[in-house]
Amino acid sequence: MAKLDYLQYKLNEVDLGLKERNEEFAEKLQKIETSIETHSQKILAQQTACANHERMRNEISQLTQKLNHRNGPYTSCTGAPESVSGVYLIQVSVKSSPFEAFCEQNSFGGGWLVIQYRYDGSLDFYRDWAEYRNGFGSPYQEYWLGLERLYQLTSQGPYELLVELKSFNGTYSYAQYNEFEIASESKQYSLKKLGAFSGTAEDALSRQKGRKFSTKDRDNDITKEDCAVTRHGAWWDMHIQG
């Protein structure tokens, strides 16, 4: 009993420390996001990010992991604690298994579930259909959430899509769509719904509406070119004119 009491005391001490660190990092992240924005149910697809932002994000994730997992799972990032970005357990329905995902709670009002995150090229995204269906990588680093999870999420109700692009030299742009849904695997996870576009980046996705997802081992492009192989990646009908 003495050991259990001691462990409980230490756990409470760690939780208090996590709360204080979370508040500190949340304040720092808010300042960063405010600086960026002066120059220019939700899903966030982040393509690149600066190294400093990524390092801070990982620290927050590690600090909040135990606390967030214990309090979850959540049906979406909108139900997760406000202003505390980090890795949470998400469970789409009572019949599905919970999974780890990063919730961005500071950008654009918060509540964004990150489906893709790339920042330094440490993770190879040139992968086959099964890997893109099931997901790969780690939500604490670079990762892809998985097409099947994305289908389950977007088929439950209305979602938005936000794509943020950040370069190492400080250039920032974004593309936002007020509706987003993909079809099931039987329909090759085609881009079923894509709402109105807004943002500072080029609208390179609207033309892919209705198109199927392509990987290096499953060419669903409408052209003769196998774009997944040519471009060394995977996406919805990767052929882009111009």
C-alpha atoms as a PDB file:
ATOM      1  CA  MET A   1       0.000   0.000   0.000  1.00  0.00           C
ATOM      2  CA  ALA A   2       2.859   2.341   0.813  1.00  0.00           C
ATOM      3  CA  LYS A   3       4.306   1.769  -2.669  1.00  0.00           C
ATOM      4  CA  LEU A   4       0.918   2.411  -4.273  1.00  0.00           C
ATOM      5  CA  ASP A   5       0.493   5.623  -2.287  1.00  0.00           C
ATOM      6  CA  TYR A   6       3.964   6.735  -3.344  1.00  0.00           C
ATOM      7  CA  LEU A   7       3.276   5.928  -6.992  1.00  0.00           C
ATOM      8  CA  GLN A   8      -0.018   7.834  -6.823  1.00  0.00           C
ATOM      9  CA  TYR A   9       1.818  10.796  -5.290  1.00  0.00           C
ATOM     10  CA  LYS A  10       4.430  10.739  -8.065  1.00  0.00           C
ATOM     11  CA  LEU A  11       1.725  10.436 -10.733  1.00  0.00           C
ATOM     12  CA  ASN A  12      -0.076  13.488  -9.334  1.00  0.00           C
ATOM     13  CA  GLU A  13       3.235  15.325  -9.295  1.00  0.00           C
ATOM     14  CA  VAL A  14       3.879  14.425 -12.947  1.00  0.00           C
ATOM     15  CA  ASP A  15       0.342  15.474 -13.957  1.00  0.00           C
ATOM     16  CA  LEU A  16       0.826  18.868 -12.271  1.00  0.00           C
ATOM     17  CA  GLY A  17       4.134  19.327 -14.065  1.00  0.00           C
ATOM     18  CA  LEU A  18       2.528  18.361 -17.390  1.00  0.00           C
ATOM     19  CA  LYS A  19      -0.231  20.903 -16.892  1.00  0.00           C
ATOM     20  CA  GLU A  20       2.229  23.686 -16.174  1.00  0.00           C
ATOM     21  CA  ARG A  21       4.431  22.758 -19.163  1.00  0.00           C
ATOM     22  CA  ASN A  22       1.369  22.478 -21.453  1.00  0.00           C
ATOM     23  CA  GLU A  23       0.242  25.966 -20.508  1.00  0.00           C
ATOM     24  CA  GLU A  24       3.721  27.333 -21.168  1.00  0.00           C
ATOM     25  CA  PHE A  25       4.073  25.667 -24.564  1.00  0.00           C
ATOM     26  CA  ALA A  26       0.482  26.536 -25.545  1.00  0.00           C
ATOM     27  CA  GLU A  27       1.290  30.210 -24.937  1.00  0.00           C
ATOM     28  CA  LYS A  28       4.447  29.970 -27.058  1.00  0.00           C
ATOM     29  CA  LEU A  29       2.595  28.218 -29.889  1.00  0.00           C
ATOM     30  CA  GLN A  30      -0.149  30.837 -29.812  1.00  0.00           C
ATOM     31  CA  LYS A  31       2.436  33.578 -30.327  1.00  0.00           C
ATOM     32  CA  ILE A  32       3.943  31.665 -33.260  1.00  0.00           C
ATOM     33  CA  GLU A  33       0.543  31.101 -34.905  1.00  0.00           C
ATOM     34  CA  THR A  34      -0.443  34.754 -34.415  1.00  0.00           C
ATOM     35  CA  SER A  35       2.776  35.883 -36.100  1.00  0.00           C
ATOM     36  CA  ILE A  36       2.168  33.548 -39.047  1.00  0.00           C
ATOM     37  CA  GLU A  37      -1.469  34.538 -39.536  1.00  0.00           C
ATOM     38  CA  THR A  38      -0.633  38.228 -39.702  1.00  0.00           C
ATOM     39  CA  HIS A  39       1.231  37.473 -42.948  1.00  0.00           C
ATOM     40  CA  SER A  40      -1.387  35.619 -44.665  1.00  0.00           C
ATOM     41  CA  GLN A  41     -15.980  18.456 -37.298  1.00  0.00           C
ATOM     42  CA  LYS A  42     -12.142  19.549 -39.294  1.00  0.00           C
ATOM     43  CA  ILE A  43      -9.180  17.795 -40.758  1.00  0.00           C
ATOM     44  CA  LEU A  44      -5.734  19.200 -41.250  1.00  0.00           C
ATOM     45  CA  ALA A  45      -3.232  17.962 -43.832  1.00  0.00           C
ATOM     46  CA  GLN A  46       0.106  19.611 -43.171  1.00  0.00           C
ATOM     47  CA  GLN A  47       2.759  19.147 -45.832  1.00  0.00           C
ATOM     48  CA  THR A  48       5.822  20.867 -44.363  1.00  0.00           C
ATOM     49  CA  ALA A  49       6.774  22.763 -41.213  1.00  0.00           C
ATOM     50  CA  CYS A  50       9.757  24.524 -39.764  1.00  0.00           C
ATOM     51  CA  ALA A  51      12.134  22.571 -37.552  1.00  0.00           C
ATOM     52  CA  ASN A  52      11.533  24.735 -34.481  1.00  0.00           C
ATOM     53  CA  HIS A  53       7.770  24.300 -34.665  1.00  0.00           C
ATOM     54  CA  GLU A  54       8.195  20.541 -35.044  1.00  0.00           C
ATOM     55  CA  ARG A  55      10.563  20.299 -32.091  1.00  0.00           C
ATOM     56  CA  MET A  56       8.121  22.169 -29.848  1.00  0.00           C
ATOM     57  CA  ARG A  57       5.221  20.078 -31.117  1.00  0.00           C
ATOM     58  CA  ASN A  58       7.033  16.847 -30.226  1.00  0.00           C
ATOM     59  CA  GLU A  59       7.779  18.101 -26.725  1.00  0.00           C
ATOM     60  CA  ILE A  60       4.107  18.894 -26.190  1.00  0.00           C
ATOM     61  CA  SER A  61       3.095  15.473 -27.532  1.00  0.00           C
ATOM     62  CA  GLN A  62       5.397  13.609 -25.181  1.00  0.00           C
ATOM     63  CA  LEU A  63       4.276  15.647 -22.173  1.00  0.00           C
ATOM     64  CA  THR A  64       0.552  15.184 -22.843  1.00  0.00           C
ATOM     65  CA  GLN A  65       0.551  11.534 -23.983  1.00  0.00           C
ATOM     66  CA  LYS A  66      -0.191   9.886 -20.619  1.00  0.00           C
ATOM     67  CA  LEU A  67      -2.753  12.450 -19.551  1.00  0.00           C
ATOM     68  CA  ASN A  68      -4.617  12.583 -22.857  1.00  0.00           C
ATOM     69  CA  HIS A  69      -4.736   8.821 -23.362  1.00  0.00           C
ATOM     70  CA  ARG A  70      -6.081   8.344 -19.864  1.00  0.00           C
ATOM     71  CA  ASN A  71      -8.889  10.845 -20.432  1.00  0.00           C
ATOM     72  CA  GLY A  72      -9.781   9.649 -23.947  1.00  0.00           C
ATOM     73  CA  PRO A  73     -10.744   8.331 -26.333  1.00  0.00           C
ATOM     74  CA  TYR A  74     -12.525  11.143 -28.145  1.00  0.00           C
ATOM     75  CA  THR A  75     -14.787  10.885 -31.188  1.00  0.00           C
ATOM     76  CA  SER A  76     -12.954  13.804 -32.806  1.00  0.00           C
ATOM     77  CA  CYS A  77     -10.419  16.528 -32.064  1.00  0.00           C
ATOM     78  CA  THR A  78     -13.236  18.998 -31.409  1.00  0.00           C
ATOM     79  CA  GLY A  79     -13.956  17.051 -28.213  1.00  0.00           C
ATOM     80  CA  ALA A  80     -10.344  17.067 -27.018  1.00  0.00           C
ATOM     81  CA  PRO A  81      -9.138  19.661 -24.461  1.00  0.00           C
ATOM     82  CA  GLU A  82      -9.058  23.156 -25.962  1.00  0.00           C
ATOM     83  CA  SER A  83      -5.753  24.936 -26.554  1.00  0.00           C
ATOM     84  CA  VAL A  84      -3.683  21.805 -25.887  1.00  0.00           C
ATOM     85  CA  SER A  85      -2.255  20.415 -29.123  1.00  0.00           C
ATOM     86  CA  GLY A  86      -0.918  16.877 -28.896  1.00  0.00           C
ATOM     87  CA  VAL A  87      -1.507  13.190 -29.545  1.00  0.00           C
ATOM     88  CA  TYR A  88      -4.923  11.926 -28.458  1.00  0.00           C
ATOM     89  CA  LEU A  89      -6.805   8.656 -28.686  1.00  0.00           C
ATOM     90  CA  ILE A  90      -9.578   8.943 -31.287  1.00  0.00           C
ATOM     91  CA  GLN A  91     -12.404   6.413 -31.593  1.00  0.00           C
ATOM     92  CA  VAL A  92     -14.774   6.952 -34.512  1.00  0.00           C
ATOM     93  CA  SER A  93     -17.553   4.673 -33.172  1.00  0.00           C
ATOM     94  CA  VAL A  94     -18.159   2.202 -30.356  1.00  0.00           C
ATOM     95  CA  LYS A  95     -17.495  -0.650 -32.782  1.00  0.00           C
ATOM     96  CA  SER A  96     -14.147   0.671 -34.029  1.00  0.00           C
ATOM     97  CA  SER A  97     -10.749   0.469 -32.354  1.00  0.00           C
ATOM     98  CA  PRO A  98      -9.212   3.690 -30.977  1.00  0.00           C
ATOM     99  CA  PHE A  99      -6.094   5.043 -32.651  1.00  0.00           C
ATOM    100  CA  GLU A 100      -3.503   7.732 -31.973  1.00  0.00           C
ATOM    101  CA  ALA A 101      -3.758  10.986 -33.890  1.00  0.00           C
ATOM    102  CA  PHE A 102      -2.369  14.501 -33.528  1.00  0.00           C
ATOM    103  CA  CYS A 103      -4.942  17.204 -32.743  1.00  0.00           C
ATOM    104  CA  GLU A 104      -3.974  20.752 -33.662  1.00  0.00           C
ATOM    105  CA  GLN A 105      -5.791  23.025 -31.217  1.00  0.00           C
ATOM    106  CA  ASN A 106      -4.121  26.371 -31.912  1.00  0.00           C
ATOM    107  CA  SER A 107      -4.451  26.950 -35.678  1.00  0.00           C
ATOM    108  CA  PHE A 108      -7.636  28.361 -37.217  1.00  0.00           C
ATOM    109  CA  GLY A 109      -9.709  27.957 -34.069  1.00  0.00           C
ATOM    110  CA  GLY A 110      -8.459  24.470 -33.184  1.00  0.00           C
ATOM    111  CA  GLY A 111     -10.214  21.114 -33.442  1.00  0.00           C
ATOM    112  CA  TRP A 112      -8.176  19.925 -36.443  1.00  0.00           C
ATOM    113  CA  LEU A 113      -7.221  16.259 -36.793  1.00  0.00           C
ATOM    114  CA  VAL A 114      -3.905  15.955 -38.653  1.00  0.00           C
ATOM    115  CA  ILE A 115      -4.108  13.314 -41.377  1.00  0.00           C
ATOM    116  CA  GLN A 116      -0.672  13.970 -42.897  1.00  0.00           C
ATOM    117  CA  TYR A 117       2.417  15.641 -41.504  1.00  0.00           C
ATOM    118  CA  ARG A 118       5.737  16.110 -43.297  1.00  0.00           C
ATOM    119  CA  TYR A 119       8.528  18.437 -42.267  1.00  0.00           C
ATOM    120  CA  ASP A 120      12.033  17.045 -42.930  1.00  0.00           C
ATOM    121  CA  GLY A 121      11.723  14.016 -45.243  1.00  0.00           C
ATOM    122  CA  SER A 122      12.780  11.540 -42.540  1.00  0.00           C
ATOM    123  CA  LEU A 123       9.858   9.247 -43.442  1.00  0.00           C
ATOM    124  CA  ASP A 124       9.533   7.660 -46.888  1.00  0.00           C
ATOM    125  CA  PHE A 125       6.064   8.360 -48.345  1.00  0.00           C
ATOM    126  CA  TYR A 126       6.672   6.277 -51.480  1.00  0.00           C
ATOM    127  CA  ARG A 127       4.589   3.317 -50.288  1.00  0.00           C
ATOM    128  CA  ASP A 128       2.041   0.775 -51.547  1.00  0.00           C
ATOM    129  CA  TRP A 129      -1.749   0.670 -51.382  1.00  0.00           C
ATOM    130  CA  ALA A 130      -1.952  -1.389 -48.165  1.00  0.00           C
ATOM    131  CA  GLU A 131       0.261   1.061 -46.285  1.00  0.00           C
ATOM    132  CA  TYR A 132      -1.723   4.081 -47.424  1.00  0.00           C
ATOM    133  CA  ARG A 133      -4.938   2.275 -46.502  1.00  0.00           C
ATOM    134  CA  ASN A 134      -3.757   1.336 -42.985  1.00  0.00           C
ATOM    135  CA  GLY A 135      -1.560   4.355 -42.235  1.00  0.00           C
ATOM    136  CA  PHE A 136       2.145   4.586 -41.398  1.00  0.00           C
ATOM    137  CA  GLY A 137       4.658   6.599 -39.404  1.00  0.00           C
ATOM    138  CA  SER A 138       4.117   8.091 -35.941  1.00  0.00           C
ATOM    139  CA  PRO A 139       1.826  10.991 -34.923  1.00  0.00           C
ATOM    140  CA  TYR A 140       4.760  12.224 -32.826  1.00  0.00           C
ATOM    141  CA  GLN A 141       6.801  12.679 -36.022  1.00  0.00           C
ATOM    142  CA  GLU A 142       6.028  12.409 -39.745  1.00  0.00           C
ATOM    143  CA  TYR A 143       3.024  10.234 -40.534  1.00  0.00           C
ATOM    144  CA  TRP A 144      -0.020   9.395 -42.650  1.00  0.00           C
ATOM    145  CA  LEU A 145      -3.252   8.625 -40.768  1.00  0.00           C
ATOM    146  CA  GLY A 146      -4.620   6.037 -43.217  1.00  0.00           C
ATOM    147  CA  LEU A 147      -7.321   6.076 -45.900  1.00  0.00           C
ATOM    148  CA  GLU A 148      -9.605   3.640 -44.090  1.00  0.00           C
ATOM    149  CA  ARG A 149      -9.646   5.764 -40.945  1.00  0.00           C
ATOM    150  CA  LEU A 150     -10.157   8.853 -43.083  1.00  0.00           C
ATOM    151  CA  TYR A 151     -13.123   7.179 -44.793  1.00  0.00           C
ATOM    152  CA  GLN A 152     -14.648   6.168 -41.452  1.00  0.00           C
ATOM    153  CA  LEU A 153     -14.235   9.685 -40.095  1.00  0.00           C
ATOM    154  CA  THR A 154     -15.623  11.619 -43.059  1.00  0.00           C
ATOM    155  CA  SER A 155     -18.555   9.218 -43.557  1.00  0.00           C
ATOM    156  CA  GLN A 156     -19.795  10.004 -40.008  1.00  0.00           C
ATOM    157  CA  GLY A 157     -20.681  13.633 -40.693  1.00  0.00           C
ATOM    158  CA  PRO A 158     -19.547  16.937 -42.250  1.00  0.00           C
ATOM    159  CA  TYR A 159     -15.812  17.692 -42.206  1.00  0.00           C
ATOM    160  CA  GLU A 160     -13.577  20.436 -43.541  1.00  0.00           C
ATOM    161  CA  LEU A 161     -10.101  20.152 -45.017  1.00  0.00           C
ATOM    162  CA  LEU A 162      -7.181  22.493 -44.382  1.00  0.00           C
ATOM    163  CA  VAL A 163      -3.811  22.174 -46.083  1.00  0.00           C
ATOM    164  CA  GLU A 164      -0.973  24.201 -44.570  1.00  0.00           C
ATOM    165  CA  LEU A 165       2.324  24.698 -46.368  1.00  0.00           C
ATOM    166  CA  LYS A 166       5.311  26.016 -44.447  1.00  0.00           C
ATOM    167  CA  SER A 167       8.824  26.292 -45.860  1.00  0.00           C
ATOM    168  CA  PHE A 168      12.098  26.514 -43.963  1.00  0.00           C
ATOM    169  CA  ASN A 169      12.641  30.073 -45.177  1.00  0.00           C
ATOM    170  CA  GLY A 170       9.423  31.230 -43.498  1.00  0.00           C
ATOM    171  CA  THR A 171       7.062  31.213 -46.488  1.00  0.00           C
ATOM    172  CA  TYR A 172       3.557  30.167 -45.478  1.00  0.00           C
ATOM    173  CA  SER A 173       0.352  29.491 -47.406  1.00  0.00           C
ATOM    174  CA  TYR A 174      -2.825  27.505 -46.906  1.00  0.00           C
ATOM    175  CA  ALA A 175      -5.797  26.041 -48.762  1.00  0.00           C
ATOM    176  CA  GLN A 176      -9.119  25.467 -47.040  1.00  0.00           C
ATOM    177  CA  TYR A 177     -12.202  23.582 -48.269  1.00  0.00           C
ATOM    178  CA  ASN A 178     -15.503  23.814 -46.375  1.00  0.00           C
ATOM    179  CA  GLU A 179     -16.485  20.217 -47.141  1.00  0.00           C
ATOM    180  CA  PHE A 180     -14.455  17.017 -47.412  1.00  0.00           C
ATOM    181  CA  GLU A 181     -15.339  13.321 -47.727  1.00  0.00           C
ATOM    182  CA  ILE A 182     -13.787  10.260 -49.352  1.00  0.00           C
ATOM    183  CA  ALA A 183     -15.490   7.054 -50.504  1.00  0.00           C
ATOM    184  CA  SER A 184     -14.826   3.487 -49.334  1.00  0.00           C
ATOM    185  CA  GLU A 185     -12.036   1.189 -50.499  1.00  0.00           C
ATOM    186  CA  SER A 186     -14.424  -0.541 -52.916  1.00  0.00           C
ATOM    187  CA  LYS A 187     -14.509   2.798 -54.743  1.00  0.00           C
ATOM    188  CA  GLN A 188     -10.745   3.265 -54.443  1.00  0.00           C
ATOM    189  CA  TYR A 189     -11.149   5.910 -51.726  1.00  0.00           C
ATOM    190  CA  SER A 190     -12.201   8.423 -54.370  1.00  0.00           C
ATOM    191  CA  LEU A 191     -12.541  12.102 -53.451  1.00  0.00           C
ATOM    192  CA  LYS A 192     -16.313  12.064 -52.938  1.00  0.00           C
ATOM    193  CA  LYS A 193     -16.919  15.603 -51.711  1.00  0.00           C
ATOM    194  CA  LEU A 194     -14.816  18.761 -51.792  1.00  0.00           C
ATOM    195  CA  GLY A 195     -16.363  22.081 -50.876  1.00  0.00           C
ATOM    196  CA  ALA A 196     -15.606  25.684 -51.742  1.00  0.00           C
ATOM    197  CA  PHE A 197     -11.956  26.766 -51.726  1.00  0.00           C
ATOM    198  CA  SER A 198     -10.402  29.650 -49.842  1.00  0.00           C
ATOM    199  CA  GLY A 199      -6.824  30.506 -48.913  1.00  0.00           C
ATOM    200  CA  THR A 200      -3.496  31.849 -50.118  1.00  0.00           C
ATOM    201  CA  ALA A 201      -2.142  28.675 -51.763  1.00  0.00           C
ATOM    202  CA  GLU A 202      -3.030  27.421 -55.229  1.00  0.00           C
ATOM    203  CA  ASP A 203      -6.273  25.437 -55.458  1.00  0.00           C
ATOM    204  CA  ALA A 204      -4.675  22.238 -56.759  1.00  0.00           C
ATOM    205  CA  LEU A 205      -7.266  19.833 -55.347  1.00  0.00           C
ATOM    206  CA  SER A 206     -10.637  20.947 -56.746  1.00  0.00           C
ATOM    207  CA  ARG A 207      -9.790  19.500 -60.144  1.00  0.00           C
ATOM    208  CA  GLN A 208      -9.287  16.103 -58.475  1.00  0.00           C
ATOM    209  CA  LYS A 209     -12.865  15.897 -57.155  1.00  0.00           C
ATOM    210  CA  GLY A 210     -14.339  12.487 -57.946  1.00  0.00           C
ATOM    211  CA  ARG A 211     -10.922  11.022 -58.754  1.00  0.00           C
ATOM    212  CA  LYS A 212      -9.588   7.817 -57.211  1.00  0.00           C
ATOM    213  CA  PHE A 213      -6.536   7.513 -54.972  1.00  0.00           C
ATOM    214  CA  SER A 214      -3.356   6.229 -56.651  1.00  0.00           C
ATOM    215  CA  THR A 215      -0.257   4.514 -55.237  1.00  0.00           C
ATOM    216  CA  LYS A 216       2.814   2.990 -56.843  1.00  0.00           C
ATOM    217  CA  ASP A 217       1.152  -0.440 -57.030  1.00  0.00           C
ATOM    218  CA  ARG A 218      -2.358   0.746 -57.929  1.00  0.00           C
ATOM    219  CA  ASP A 219      -2.528   3.192 -60.817  1.00  0.00           C
ATOM    220  CA  ASN A 220      -5.943   4.875 -60.796  1.00  0.00           C
ATOM    221  CA  ASP A 221      -4.913   7.909 -62.863  1.00  0.00           C
ATOM    222  CA  ILE A 222      -7.087   8.861 -65.810  1.00  0.00           C
ATOM    223  CA  THR A 223      -3.986   9.400 -67.947  1.00  0.00           C
ATOM    224  CA  LYS A 224      -1.542   6.873 -69.359  1.00  0.00           C
ATOM    225  CA  GLU A 225       1.166   8.205 -67.079  1.00  0.00           C
ATOM    226  CA  ASP A 226       1.611   6.378 -63.756  1.00  0.00           C
ATOM    227  CA  CYS A 227       1.876   9.580 -61.703  1.00  0.00           C
ATOM    228  CA  ALA A 228       2.437   7.849 -58.355  1.00  0.00           C
ATOM    229  CA  VAL A 229       5.606   6.281 -59.760  1.00  0.00           C
ATOM    230  CA  THR A 230       6.683   9.360 -61.707  1.00  0.00           C
ATOM    231  CA  ARG A 231       6.197  11.722 -58.775  1.00  0.00           C
ATOM    232  CA  HIS A 232       7.411   9.197 -56.213  1.00  0.00           C
ATOM    233  CA  GLY A 233       4.400   9.482 -53.930  1.00  0.00           C
ATOM    234  CA  ALA A 234       0.631   8.900 -53.713  1.00  0.00           C
ATOM    235  CA  TRP A 235      -2.494  11.098 -53.915  1.00  0.00           C
ATOM    236  CA  TRP A 236      -5.886  11.488 -55.581  1.00  0.00           C
ATOM    237  CA  ASP A 237      -5.281  11.252 -59.329  1.00  0.00           C
ATOM    238  CA  MET A 238      -1.944  13.022 -59.194  1.00  0.00           C
ATOM    239  CA  HIS A 239      -2.041  14.291 -62.780  1.00  0.00           C
ATOM    240  CA  ILE A 240      -2.054  18.104 -62.729  1.00  0.00           C
ATOM    241  CA  GLN A 241      -2.114  20.250 -65.842  1.00  0.00           C
ATOM    242  CA  GLY A 242       0.145  23.229 -66.260  1.00  0.00           C
END
